Amino acid sequence: IFGVLNGDGSPNSPAAPAARGSMIQIYATGQGAVGNPP
């Protein structure tokens, strides 16, 4: 994992926490094979 953004695209931080029940975006590497690979 590299980092996490809140659902609105802002970086997650103590000043900008995610709400319970909200969507977060986790950015990482190492997923292996995917369907429809570019």
PDB file of all heavy atoms in Angstrom:
ATOM      1  N   ILE A   1       0.839  -1.205   0.000  1.00  0.00           N
ATOM      2  CA  ILE A   1       0.000   0.000   0.000  1.00  0.00           C
ATOM      3  C   ILE A   1       0.871   1.251   0.000  1.00  0.00           C
ATOM      4  O   ILE A   1       1.819   1.367   0.771  1.00  0.00           O
ATOM      5  CB  ILE A   1      -0.935   0.024   1.222  1.00  0.00           C
ATOM      6  CG1 ILE A   1      -1.841  -1.209   1.234  1.00  0.00           C
ATOM      7  CG2 ILE A   1      -1.772   1.299   1.244  1.00  0.00           C
ATOM      8  CD1 ILE A   1      -2.692  -1.340   2.495  1.00  0.00           C
ATOM      9  N   PHE A   2       0.509   2.211  -0.883  1.00  0.00           N
ATOM     10  CA  PHE A   2       1.188   3.515  -0.954  1.00  0.00           C
ATOM     11  C   PHE A   2       0.463   4.559  -0.117  1.00  0.00           C
ATOM     12  O   PHE A   2       1.079   5.364   0.558  1.00  0.00           O
ATOM     13  CB  PHE A   2       1.227   4.041  -2.388  1.00  0.00           C
ATOM     14  CG  PHE A   2       2.056   3.226  -3.319  1.00  0.00           C
ATOM     15  CD1 PHE A   2       1.486   2.695  -4.457  1.00  0.00           C
ATOM     16  CD2 PHE A   2       3.384   2.991  -3.086  1.00  0.00           C
ATOM     17  CE1 PHE A   2       2.235   1.951  -5.345  1.00  0.00           C
ATOM     18  CE2 PHE A   2       4.149   2.245  -3.962  1.00  0.00           C
ATOM     19  CZ  PHE A   2       3.573   1.731  -5.098  1.00  0.00           C
ATOM     20  N   GLY A   3      -0.858   4.604  -0.241  1.00  0.00           N
ATOM     21  CA  GLY A   3      -1.599   5.644   0.445  1.00  0.00           C
ATOM     22  C   GLY A   3      -3.102   5.443   0.344  1.00  0.00           C
ATOM     23  O   GLY A   3      -3.573   4.546  -0.344  1.00  0.00           O
ATOM     24  N   VAL A   4      -3.836   6.315   1.052  1.00  0.00           N
ATOM     25  CA  VAL A   4      -5.297   6.219   1.105  1.00  0.00           C
ATOM     26  C   VAL A   4      -5.892   7.605   0.920  1.00  0.00           C
ATOM     27  O   VAL A   4      -5.445   8.576   1.530  1.00  0.00           O
ATOM     28  CB  VAL A   4      -5.762   5.630   2.460  1.00  0.00           C
ATOM     29  CG1 VAL A   4      -7.275   5.560   2.528  1.00  0.00           C
ATOM     30  CG2 VAL A   4      -5.160   4.253   2.682  1.00  0.00           C
ATOM     31  N   LEU A   5      -6.911   7.659   0.061  1.00  0.00           N
ATOM     32  CA  LEU A   5      -7.675   8.894  -0.139  1.00  0.00           C
ATOM     33  C   LEU A   5      -9.088   8.694   0.378  1.00  0.00           C
ATOM     34  O   LEU A   5      -9.621   7.582   0.352  1.00  0.00           O
ATOM     35  CB  LEU A   5      -7.756   9.255  -1.627  1.00  0.00           C
ATOM     36  CG  LEU A   5      -6.454   9.543  -2.362  1.00  0.00           C
ATOM     37  CD1 LEU A   5      -6.744   9.896  -3.818  1.00  0.00           C
ATOM     38  CD2 LEU A   5      -5.669  10.652  -1.696  1.00  0.00           C
ATOM     39  N   ASN A   6      -9.686   9.777   0.833  1.00  0.00           N
ATOM     40  CA  ASN A   6     -11.100   9.747   1.201  1.00  0.00           C
ATOM     41  C   ASN A   6     -11.928   9.683  -0.075  1.00  0.00           C
ATOM     42  O   ASN A   6     -11.409   9.903  -1.175  1.00  0.00           O
ATOM     43  CB  ASN A   6     -11.458  10.990   2.009  1.00  0.00           C
ATOM     44  CG  ASN A   6     -10.756  11.008   3.352  1.00  0.00           C
ATOM     45  OD1 ASN A   6     -10.608   9.972   3.999  1.00  0.00           O
ATOM     46  ND2 ASN A   6     -10.311  12.174   3.776  1.00  0.00           N
ATOM     47  N   GLY A   7     -13.209   9.410   0.068  1.00  0.00           N
ATOM     48  CA  GLY A   7     -14.099   9.292  -1.079  1.00  0.00           C
ATOM     49  C   GLY A   7     -14.153  10.526  -1.960  1.00  0.00           C
ATOM     50  O   GLY A   7     -14.405  10.434  -3.155  1.00  0.00           O
ATOM     51  N   ASP A   8     -13.885  11.705  -1.383  1.00  0.00           N
ATOM     52  CA  ASP A   8     -13.911  12.950  -2.171  1.00  0.00           C
ATOM     53  C   ASP A   8     -12.576  13.215  -2.864  1.00  0.00           C
ATOM     54  O   ASP A   8     -12.410  14.247  -3.501  1.00  0.00           O
ATOM     55  CB  ASP A   8     -14.317  14.136  -1.298  1.00  0.00           C
ATOM     56  CG  ASP A   8     -13.307  14.442  -0.187  1.00  0.00           C
ATOM     57  OD1 ASP A   8     -12.243  13.774  -0.097  1.00  0.00           O
ATOM     58  OD2 ASP A   8     -13.587  15.354   0.616  1.00  0.00           O
ATOM     59  N   GLY A   9     -11.621  12.293  -2.718  1.00  0.00           N
ATOM     60  CA  GLY A   9     -10.316  12.437  -3.363  1.00  0.00           C
ATOM     61  C   GLY A   9      -9.280  13.149  -2.521  1.00  0.00           C
ATOM     62  O   GLY A   9      -8.122  13.271  -2.930  1.00  0.00           O
ATOM     63  N   SER A  10      -9.645  13.621  -1.333  1.00  0.00           N
ATOM     64  CA  SER A  10      -8.674  14.284  -0.462  1.00  0.00           C
ATOM     65  C   SER A  10      -7.836  13.244   0.270  1.00  0.00           C
ATOM     66  O   SER A  10      -8.330  12.160   0.601  1.00  0.00           O
ATOM     67  CB  SER A  10      -9.389  15.186   0.552  1.00  0.00           C
ATOM     68  OG  SER A  10     -10.184  14.412   1.430  1.00  0.00           O
ATOM     69  N   PRO A  11      -6.551  13.554   0.529  1.00  0.00           N
ATOM     70  CA  PRO A  11      -5.723  12.609   1.294  1.00  0.00           C
ATOM     71  C   PRO A  11      -6.288  12.422   2.701  1.00  0.00           C
ATOM     72  O   PRO A  11      -6.661  13.393   3.351  1.00  0.00           O
ATOM     73  CB  PRO A  11      -4.349  13.292   1.344  1.00  0.00           C
ATOM     74  CG  PRO A  11      -4.354  14.258   0.203  1.00  0.00           C
ATOM     75  CD  PRO A  11      -5.782  14.706   0.068  1.00  0.00           C
ATOM     76  N   ASN A  12      -6.352  11.179   3.139  1.00  0.00           N
ATOM     77  CA  ASN A  12      -6.826  10.897   4.488  1.00  0.00           C
ATOM     78  C   ASN A  12      -5.771  11.361   5.479  1.00  0.00           C
ATOM     79  O   ASN A  12      -4.580  11.104   5.294  1.00  0.00           O
ATOM     80  CB  ASN A  12      -7.101   9.404   4.665  1.00  0.00           C
ATOM     81  CG  ASN A  12      -7.634   9.099   6.040  1.00  0.00           C
ATOM     82  OD1 ASN A  12      -6.875   8.973   6.985  1.00  0.00           O
ATOM     83  ND2 ASN A  12      -8.944   8.988   6.145  1.00  0.00           N
ATOM     84  N   SER A  13      -6.199  12.047   6.532  1.00  0.00           N
ATOM     85  CA  SER A  13      -5.289  12.539   7.566  1.00  0.00           C
ATOM     86  C   SER A  13      -6.114  12.834   8.811  1.00  0.00           C
ATOM     87  O   SER A  13      -7.352  12.882   8.738  1.00  0.00           O
ATOM     88  CB  SER A  13      -4.579  13.814   7.100  1.00  0.00           C
ATOM     89  OG  SER A  13      -5.494  14.892   7.036  1.00  0.00           O
ATOM     90  N   PRO A  14      -5.462  13.083   9.967  1.00  0.00           N
ATOM     91  CA  PRO A  14      -6.229  13.456  11.151  1.00  0.00           C
ATOM     92  C   PRO A  14      -7.065  14.723  10.929  1.00  0.00           C
ATOM     93  O   PRO A  14      -8.140  14.865  11.495  1.00  0.00           O
ATOM     94  CB  PRO A  14      -5.154  13.679  12.216  1.00  0.00           C
ATOM     95  CG  PRO A  14      -4.051  12.738  11.799  1.00  0.00           C
ATOM     96  CD  PRO A  14      -4.051  12.819  10.291  1.00  0.00           C
ATOM     97  N   ALA A  15      -6.586  15.632  10.068  1.00  0.00           N
ATOM     98  CA  ALA A  15      -7.349  16.842   9.761  1.00  0.00           C
ATOM     99  C   ALA A  15      -8.471  16.571   8.766  1.00  0.00           C
ATOM    100  O   ALA A  15      -9.407  17.365   8.656  1.00  0.00           O
ATOM    101  CB  ALA A  15      -6.417  17.921   9.211  1.00  0.00           C
ATOM    102  N   ALA A  16      -8.380  15.466   8.022  1.00  0.00           N
ATOM    103  CA  ALA A  16      -9.408  15.096   7.036  1.00  0.00           C
ATOM    104  C   ALA A  16      -9.699  13.603   7.168  1.00  0.00           C
ATOM    105  O   ALA A  16      -9.305  12.797   6.331  1.00  0.00           O
ATOM    106  CB  ALA A  16      -8.933  15.421   5.627  1.00  0.00           C
ATOM    107  N   PRO A  17     -10.379  13.206   8.252  1.00  0.00           N
ATOM    108  CA  PRO A  17     -10.664  11.782   8.475  1.00  0.00           C
ATOM    109  C   PRO A  17     -11.801  11.278   7.590  1.00  0.00           C
ATOM    110  O   PRO A  17     -12.633  12.055   7.121  1.00  0.00           O
ATOM    111  CB  PRO A  17     -11.069  11.736   9.948  1.00  0.00           C
ATOM    112  CG  PRO A  17     -11.660  13.075  10.217  1.00  0.00           C
ATOM    113  CD  PRO A  17     -10.887  14.042   9.345  1.00  0.00           C
ATOM    114  N   ALA A  18     -11.816   9.976   7.386  1.00  0.00           N
ATOM    115  CA  ALA A  18     -12.918   9.330   6.663  1.00  0.00           C
ATOM    116  C   ALA A  18     -14.070   9.111   7.637  1.00  0.00           C
ATOM    117  O   ALA A  18     -13.854   8.779   8.800  1.00  0.00           O
ATOM    118  CB  ALA A  18     -12.464   7.996   6.093  1.00  0.00           C
ATOM    119  N   ALA A  19     -15.271   9.296   7.161  1.00  0.00           N
ATOM    120  CA  ALA A  19     -16.446   9.022   7.988  1.00  0.00           C
ATOM    121  C   ALA A  19     -16.733   7.524   7.976  1.00  0.00           C
ATOM    122  O   ALA A  19     -16.483   6.846   6.973  1.00  0.00           O
ATOM    123  CB  ALA A  19     -17.649   9.786   7.449  1.00  0.00           C
ATOM    124  N   ARG A  20     -17.241   7.012   9.097  1.00  0.00           N
ATOM    125  CA  ARG A  20     -17.688   5.624   9.111  1.00  0.00           C
ATOM    126  C   ARG A  20     -18.779   5.465   8.069  1.00  0.00           C
ATOM    127  O   ARG A  20     -19.639   6.319   7.917  1.00  0.00           O
ATOM    128  CB  ARG A  20     -18.175   5.235  10.499  1.00  0.00           C
ATOM    129  CG  ARG A  20     -17.018   5.150  11.495  1.00  0.00           C
ATOM    130  CD  ARG A  20     -17.488   4.832  12.867  1.00  0.00           C
ATOM    131  NE  ARG A  20     -18.170   6.026  13.396  1.00  0.00           N
ATOM    132  CZ  ARG A  20     -18.807   6.058  14.547  1.00  0.00           C
ATOM    133  NH1 ARG A  20     -18.898   4.991  15.290  1.00  0.00           N
ATOM    134  NH2 ARG A  20     -19.378   7.166  14.962  1.00  0.00           N
ATOM    135  N   GLY A  21     -18.713   4.398   7.298  1.00  0.00           N
ATOM    136  CA  GLY A  21     -19.683   4.152   6.249  1.00  0.00           C
ATOM    137  C   GLY A  21     -19.310   4.767   4.913  1.00  0.00           C
ATOM    138  O   GLY A  21     -19.960   4.513   3.910  1.00  0.00           O
ATOM    139  N   SER A  22     -18.255   5.588   4.882  1.00  0.00           N
ATOM    140  CA  SER A  22     -17.853   6.234   3.631  1.00  0.00           C
ATOM    141  C   SER A  22     -16.870   5.359   2.860  1.00  0.00           C
ATOM    142  O   SER A  22     -16.272   4.429   3.393  1.00  0.00           O
ATOM    143  CB  SER A  22     -17.221   7.601   3.909  1.00  0.00           C
ATOM    144  OG  SER A  22     -15.953   7.458   4.528  1.00  0.00           O
ATOM    145  N   MET A  23     -16.708   5.698   1.585  1.00  0.00           N
ATOM    146  CA  MET A  23     -15.797   4.982   0.706  1.00  0.00           C
ATOM    147  C   MET A  23     -14.400   5.586   0.833  1.00  0.00           C
ATOM    148  O   MET A  23     -14.259   6.805   0.950  1.00  0.00           O
ATOM    149  CB  MET A  23     -16.284   5.108  -0.744  1.00  0.00           C
ATOM    150  CG  MET A  23     -15.585   4.221  -1.725  1.00  0.00           C
ATOM    151  SD  MET A  23     -15.921   2.470  -1.489  1.00  0.00           S
ATOM    152  CE  MET A  23     -17.651   2.389  -1.865  1.00  0.00           C
ATOM    153  N   ILE A  24     -13.380   4.737   0.836  1.00  0.00           N
ATOM    154  CA  ILE A  24     -11.993   5.191   0.737  1.00  0.00           C
ATOM    155  C   ILE A  24     -11.370   4.546  -0.489  1.00  0.00           C
ATOM    156  O   ILE A  24     -11.853   3.515  -0.980  1.00  0.00           O
ATOM    157  CB  ILE A  24     -11.163   4.857   2.008  1.00  0.00           C
ATOM    158  CG1 ILE A  24     -11.141   3.345   2.270  1.00  0.00           C
ATOM    159  CG2 ILE A  24     -11.655   5.646   3.207  1.00  0.00           C
ATOM    160  CD1 ILE A  24     -10.172   2.928   3.377  1.00  0.00           C
ATOM    161  N   GLN A  25     -10.324   5.159  -0.991  1.00  0.00           N
ATOM    162  CA  GLN A  25      -9.578   4.624  -2.123  1.00  0.00           C
ATOM    163  C   GLN A  25      -8.182   4.277  -1.624  1.00  0.00           C
ATOM    164  O   GLN A  25      -7.452   5.152  -1.156  1.00  0.00           O
ATOM    165  CB  GLN A  25      -9.482   5.651  -3.248  1.00  0.00           C
ATOM    166  CG  GLN A  25     -10.813   6.068  -3.792  1.00  0.00           C
ATOM    167  CD  GLN A  25     -10.719   7.311  -4.664  1.00  0.00           C
ATOM    168  OE1 GLN A  25      -9.674   7.910  -4.814  1.00  0.00           O
ATOM    169  NE2 GLN A  25     -11.834   7.689  -5.248  1.00  0.00           N
ATOM    170  N   ILE A  26      -7.848   3.007  -1.722  1.00  0.00           N
ATOM    171  CA  ILE A  26      -6.527   2.526  -1.308  1.00  0.00           C
ATOM    172  C   ILE A  26      -5.697   2.378  -2.576  1.00  0.00           C
ATOM    173  O   ILE A  26      -6.147   1.764  -3.547  1.00  0.00           O
ATOM    174  CB  ILE A  26      -6.645   1.176  -0.580  1.00  0.00           C
ATOM    175  CG1 ILE A  26      -7.547   1.315   0.645  1.00  0.00           C
ATOM    176  CG2 ILE A  26      -5.272   0.636  -0.212  1.00  0.00           C
ATOM    177  CD1 ILE A  26      -7.990  -0.014   1.236  1.00  0.00           C
ATOM    178  N   TYR A  27      -4.483   2.944  -2.574  1.00  0.00           N
ATOM    179  CA  TYR A  27      -3.598   2.825  -3.735  1.00  0.00           C
ATOM    180  C   TYR A  27      -2.409   1.956  -3.356  1.00  0.00           C
ATOM    181  O   TYR A  27      -1.780   2.163  -2.317  1.00  0.00           O
ATOM    182  CB  TYR A  27      -3.168   4.204  -4.223  1.00  0.00           C
ATOM    183  CG  TYR A  27      -4.322   4.912  -4.887  1.00  0.00           C
ATOM    184  CD1 TYR A  27      -5.102   5.815  -4.191  1.00  0.00           C
ATOM    185  CD2 TYR A  27      -4.658   4.616  -6.205  1.00  0.00           C
ATOM    186  CE1 TYR A  27      -6.183   6.430  -4.799  1.00  0.00           C
ATOM    187  CE2 TYR A  27      -5.746   5.226  -6.816  1.00  0.00           C
ATOM    188  CZ  TYR A  27      -6.500   6.131  -6.107  1.00  0.00           C
ATOM    189  OH  TYR A  27      -7.574   6.725  -6.710  1.00  0.00           O
ATOM    190  N   ALA A  28      -2.149   0.974  -4.212  1.00  0.00           N
ATOM    191  CA  ALA A  28      -1.134  -0.030  -3.915  1.00  0.00           C
ATOM    192  C   ALA A  28      -0.509  -0.531  -5.213  1.00  0.00           C
ATOM    193  O   ALA A  28      -0.832  -0.065  -6.307  1.00  0.00           O
ATOM    194  CB  ALA A  28      -1.781  -1.196  -3.153  1.00  0.00           C
ATOM    195  N   THR A  29       0.347  -1.499  -5.059  1.00  0.00           N
ATOM    196  CA  THR A  29       0.920  -2.233  -6.184  1.00  0.00           C
ATOM    197  C   THR A  29       0.922  -3.701  -5.803  1.00  0.00           C
ATOM    198  O   THR A  29       0.664  -4.049  -4.657  1.00  0.00           O
ATOM    199  CB  THR A  29       2.340  -1.724  -6.516  1.00  0.00           C
ATOM    200  OG1 THR A  29       2.761  -2.303  -7.742  1.00  0.00           O
ATOM    201  CG2 THR A  29       3.326  -2.055  -5.417  1.00  0.00           C
ATOM    202  N   GLY A  30       1.196  -4.562  -6.764  1.00  0.00           N
ATOM    203  CA  GLY A  30       1.312  -5.986  -6.463  1.00  0.00           C
ATOM    204  C   GLY A  30       0.050  -6.781  -6.638  1.00  0.00           C
ATOM    205  O   GLY A  30      -0.092  -7.854  -6.046  1.00  0.00           O
ATOM    206  N   GLN A  31      -0.875  -6.308  -7.466  1.00  0.00           N
ATOM    207  CA  GLN A  31      -2.156  -6.994  -7.639  1.00  0.00           C
ATOM    208  C   GLN A  31      -2.067  -8.228  -8.517  1.00  0.00           C
ATOM    209  O   GLN A  31      -2.994  -9.016  -8.556  1.00  0.00           O
ATOM    210  CB  GLN A  31      -3.201  -6.036  -8.218  1.00  0.00           C
ATOM    211  CG  GLN A  31      -3.060  -5.757  -9.706  1.00  0.00           C
ATOM    212  CD  GLN A  31      -1.911  -4.815 -10.044  1.00  0.00           C
ATOM    213  OE1 GLN A  31      -1.483  -4.041  -9.195  1.00  0.00           O
ATOM    214  NE2 GLN A  31      -1.420  -4.879 -11.261  1.00  0.00           N
ATOM    215  N   GLY A  32      -0.980  -8.403  -9.243  1.00  0.00           N
ATOM    216  CA  GLY A  32      -0.879  -9.550 -10.140  1.00  0.00           C
ATOM    217  C   GLY A  32      -1.700  -9.324 -11.400  1.00  0.00           C
ATOM    218  O   GLY A  32      -1.987  -8.198 -11.791  1.00  0.00           O
ATOM    219  N   ALA A  33      -2.100 -10.408 -12.032  1.00  0.00           N
ATOM    220  CA  ALA A  33      -2.821 -10.341 -13.302  1.00  0.00           C
ATOM    221  C   ALA A  33      -4.206  -9.731 -13.130  1.00  0.00           C
ATOM    222  O   ALA A  33      -4.852  -9.902 -12.099  1.00  0.00           O
ATOM    223  CB  ALA A  33      -2.952 -11.741 -13.900  1.00  0.00           C
ATOM    224  N   VAL A  34      -4.639  -9.004 -14.157  1.00  0.00           N
ATOM    225  CA  VAL A  34      -5.981  -8.413 -14.176  1.00  0.00           C
ATOM    226  C   VAL A  34      -6.662  -8.779 -15.488  1.00  0.00           C
ATOM    227  O   VAL A  34      -6.009  -9.116 -16.474  1.00  0.00           O
ATOM    228  CB  VAL A  34      -5.938  -6.865 -14.047  1.00  0.00           C
ATOM    229  CG1 VAL A  34      -5.407  -6.436 -12.702  1.00  0.00           C
ATOM    230  CG2 VAL A  34      -5.139  -6.245 -15.181  1.00  0.00           C
ATOM    231  N   GLY A  35      -7.986  -8.712 -15.484  1.00  0.00           N
ATOM    232  CA  GLY A  35      -8.735  -8.878 -16.720  1.00  0.00           C
ATOM    233  C   GLY A  35      -8.623  -7.604 -17.545  1.00  0.00           C
ATOM    234  O   GLY A  35      -8.445  -6.518 -16.981  1.00  0.00           O
ATOM    235  N   ASN A  36      -8.705  -7.715 -18.843  1.00  0.00           N
ATOM    236  CA  ASN A  36      -8.580  -6.572 -19.740  1.00  0.00           C
ATOM    237  C   ASN A  36      -7.293  -5.783 -19.489  1.00  0.00           C
ATOM    238  O   ASN A  36      -7.325  -4.572 -19.299  1.00  0.00           O
ATOM    239  CB  ASN A  36      -9.796  -5.640 -19.615  1.00  0.00           C
ATOM    240  CG  ASN A  36      -9.774  -4.563 -20.674  1.00  0.00           C
ATOM    241  OD1 ASN A  36      -9.485  -4.832 -21.835  1.00  0.00           O
ATOM    242  ND2 ASN A  36     -10.063  -3.340 -20.275  1.00  0.00           N
ATOM    243  N   PRO A  37      -6.141  -6.452 -19.463  1.00  0.00           N
ATOM    244  CA  PRO A  37      -4.893  -5.743 -19.165  1.00  0.00           C
ATOM    245  C   PRO A  37      -4.504  -4.795 -20.300  1.00  0.00           C
ATOM    246  O   PRO A  37      -4.650  -5.131 -21.472  1.00  0.00           O
ATOM    247  CB  PRO A  37      -3.869  -6.860 -19.019  1.00  0.00           C
ATOM    248  CG  PRO A  37      -4.406  -7.962 -19.872  1.00  0.00           C
ATOM    249  CD  PRO A  37      -5.903  -7.864 -19.755  1.00  0.00           C
ATOM    250  N   PRO A  38      -4.011  -3.594 -19.958  1.00  0.00           N
ATOM    251  CA  PRO A  38      -3.514  -2.702 -20.996  1.00  0.00           C
ATOM    252  C   PRO A  38      -2.150  -3.198 -21.484  1.00  0.00           C
ATOM    253  O   PRO A  38      -1.496  -3.986 -20.794  1.00  0.00           O
ATOM    254  CB  PRO A  38      -3.373  -1.363 -20.270  1.00  0.00           C
ATOM    255  CG  PRO A  38      -3.159  -1.736 -18.842  1.00  0.00           C
ATOM    256  CD  PRO A  38      -3.926  -3.014 -18.627  1.00  0.00           C
TER     257      PRO A  38
END
